[in-house]
Amino acid sequence: MFKTIRFAAIAATASLIAVPALAQSSPVLGTWATAVDVQGQKIEAEMTFSQAGGAYAVAIKDGPMPGAPADAPPMESKISDVVVDGSKFTFKRALTTPQGAMNLTYTGTVEGDKLTGEVGSDFGPIAITGTRK
């Protein structure tokens, strides 16, 4: 009986030690005000990284496109292959534009409240920056 109690105590202690490791979250998680510069035009978006059930997700709310009417609907997009590893992230975005489909690959890192990275596109890499909201 004493061995059973000792084993239970060890198991309980081990589980308590493991909890902080599971509770830690990536500094990438949260909402970011981001911007890219495309041909001298600043395009802003709000990017939100979240985690649920061990999987990561990204939601992007695009700001108004330069030259587009203020009431223009947002472009449709689908985000996939989200990977968050510590302070680094990658994901793919299929974006439907008036000129046709664009496939984008986002990569970046977070340091404190600053996000830096790159958006890979058919037109070459585009720098992206952001600050935590």
Foldseek 3Di string as FASTA:
>chain_A
DVVVVVVVVVVVVVVVVCVVVVPDDAPQAAKKWKWWADPNDIWIKIWGWDDDPRDIDIDIGTADDPPDDNPDDDWDKDKDDWDDDRFKIKIWIWTQDPVGIWIWIWIWGDDPQKIWTWIQTPVGIIIMIIGGD
